[in-house]
Amino acid sequence: MEDEETTEEEQIFHNTVRENIIFLLLFLALIAVSWSLVRRYRKRERDDILVDDEEATVYRISLWLCTFSLAVAAGAVLLLPISIISNEVLLHYPKSYYVQWLNSSLIQGLWNHIFLFSNLSLFVLLPFAYLFTESEGFAGHRKGILPRIYETFIVLLLLAFVVLGLAFILSSMLDSDKSSLQKLFNLSSYYLPFIYSCVSFLGVLLLLLCTPAGLVQLFSMASQILVKPQFLRDLNEEYFVAKFEEECLKKQLEAHTSKSNGNGALPHSNFSTPKSANSRKRKLSDSDDEDVVDKVSPFASSVFSASLLLANSTILPSSPDDPDAGLRNGALKASLTQRLNAARAKTNLLQKQRHGSTLKRNFLYPIAMLLLLFLTCTTVVIVVQNAVQLVVGLKELPRSTREQVTLGLASLSKLGMFGATLEIVLIVYLVATSAVGLFTTSFMRRVRPVPSATPLSSIILHCALLLLLSSALPLLSRILGITNLDLLGEFGQIEWLGSLLIVLSYNTLFVLSVSACIATKFTATVREELYARLKGFAVSLVSNDVTCPTWPNSPIQATGSANSSSSAKT
């Protein structure tokens, strides 16, 4: 009997050690990836700023706290994929020797660790990192690390009292029966879960705003990065138009530089120094552009001919809608330089796309767009099905009442392995869309991380937002019905997950917002064209003067206005 008890205790001990080793290895891998990302984006401080050992130590500690929080965020993203894969592996290979280490206890412990570390990072470590970088120590004390740590802890403690007070007031407003002065001091069983429930609800609302916007942005990014087929886009025509605009901007910048060097400060001028026509022709003849002109549309041919005439001209006409009108001296030069660099980048991109393979131009773009459309439509259909099942009563609310969930008993999807794989793909798709939607909002565009130029305060902000979104991602996937896996650990004990009104309203808002964003994206061109046609027709009725439409700031428009003025003078 004693031998059996000892054997069982040893087995529990070995299982615990094995699980902790796996957790440690996984966490070290996430730490390494997170540190590489933080190191890539952190601002390279000058040596004279971090020459003080105190500032360098504070900076280093805050940076490691951000790395830890980012690793926890990555672990929260991997919770559902790892759990789904583990369930399918245990279902298909229940007695395999190589997967004996993979069990329900390991997955349950992973969920508990992520929940604990996400709360610790969100409520303690990241606020401490920010306050630590801003602290200077109490007045009258010596400068050093310890006074700054004391000040940070005092401010953090005061902030904790404020948060607990707000949580007590909010809980009293929502449910007066559960809120009392006696329960105010019962932090671990009521108020800390209530605070995390509120924070997770904010994270889910943020995902509701970011995910539909990210869906639209993914279509736009695919259109910009991938080359459209020839029947949807004439690259040669776009290239010659971009080349013509680059020549115009180059002539303007040369004219301004020559006039400024000769006569001092001058207003915006469109005169340029003449160049040899033979050198221009020789430069253009070295490229392959002249051979392509005969194969493209007449519009591109006329644009290329106009660029040849413009290259040999000494006067560059101006457009009445020129954005540089009224600028002088350095401001004019900076604006022209910026526009010229953008035009050159566009020309180089179009040049690379022109020489792309036929396979990429004709197959890669349609496949990518169809894949994005398939994933979006599949997500919407699953969410609609989930909402209908909740209303009818065929599906339970996502709040879990079981403390322990056994994996490997049944597949999470009716489609088996294919359904589980589809769930993982959709979860990764939601992660990508939410991240893209977050960083394309108007606020995040101003603080978007830049490689080797992101300050520490911005890194702390981004780590907090990513941790908030990643912690709410399992809740989002379960609310929308993307997966049927029960939320393990404390994730399934959140109170508002048991409200049918909140869950059903969230599903409805998600479907409506995604459908509206997709419809707006695919009908924007048609609506803009209809608006332009109706506006032009209304203007023609008022003025009784129909003119040939041209785009604003167009070199062709500028050339046309110059030709009309010269003919009038003649």
Foldseek 3Di string as FASTA:
>chain_A
DVVVVVVVVVVVVVLVVLLVVVVVVLLVVLLVVLLVVLQFQAADDDCVVPVDPQLVVLVVLLSSLLSSLLSLLVLLLCLVVVQQVLQQCCQVCVPDPVCPSRWQVSSLVSLVVSVVSLLCSQLPSLQLSVQLNVFQFDPPDDGHNVRSNVVSVVVSVVVVVVLLVVLLVVCCVVPVVVHDPVCSPVCPPPRVLSSVLVLLVVLLVLLLQQQLLLLLVVLVVLPVPFAAACVVDPLLLVLLQLVLVLLQLVQQLQQQVVCCVPPNKDARFQFGDADDLVVVVVVVVVDCSVVCLVVDDVNSVVSNVVSSVVNRDGGQFFDPQDPRHPDIDPVSNVVSVVVSVVSVVVNVVSVVSVPDDNCRHYPVSVVVVVVSVVLLVVLLVLLVVVLVCLVVVVDAFLQDPDQGDTRNPDNFDPVRPVLSVSLSVSSVSSVSSSVSSVCPDPVNVVQPGDTNRHHSVSSSVVSNSSSSNSNSSVVNCSLSNSTPDRSHDCVNNNDCSNDSVVSSVSSVSSSVSNVVSVVCSVCVVVVVVVVVVVVLVVVCVVVVDDDDDDDPPRSVNSVVVVVVVVVVVD
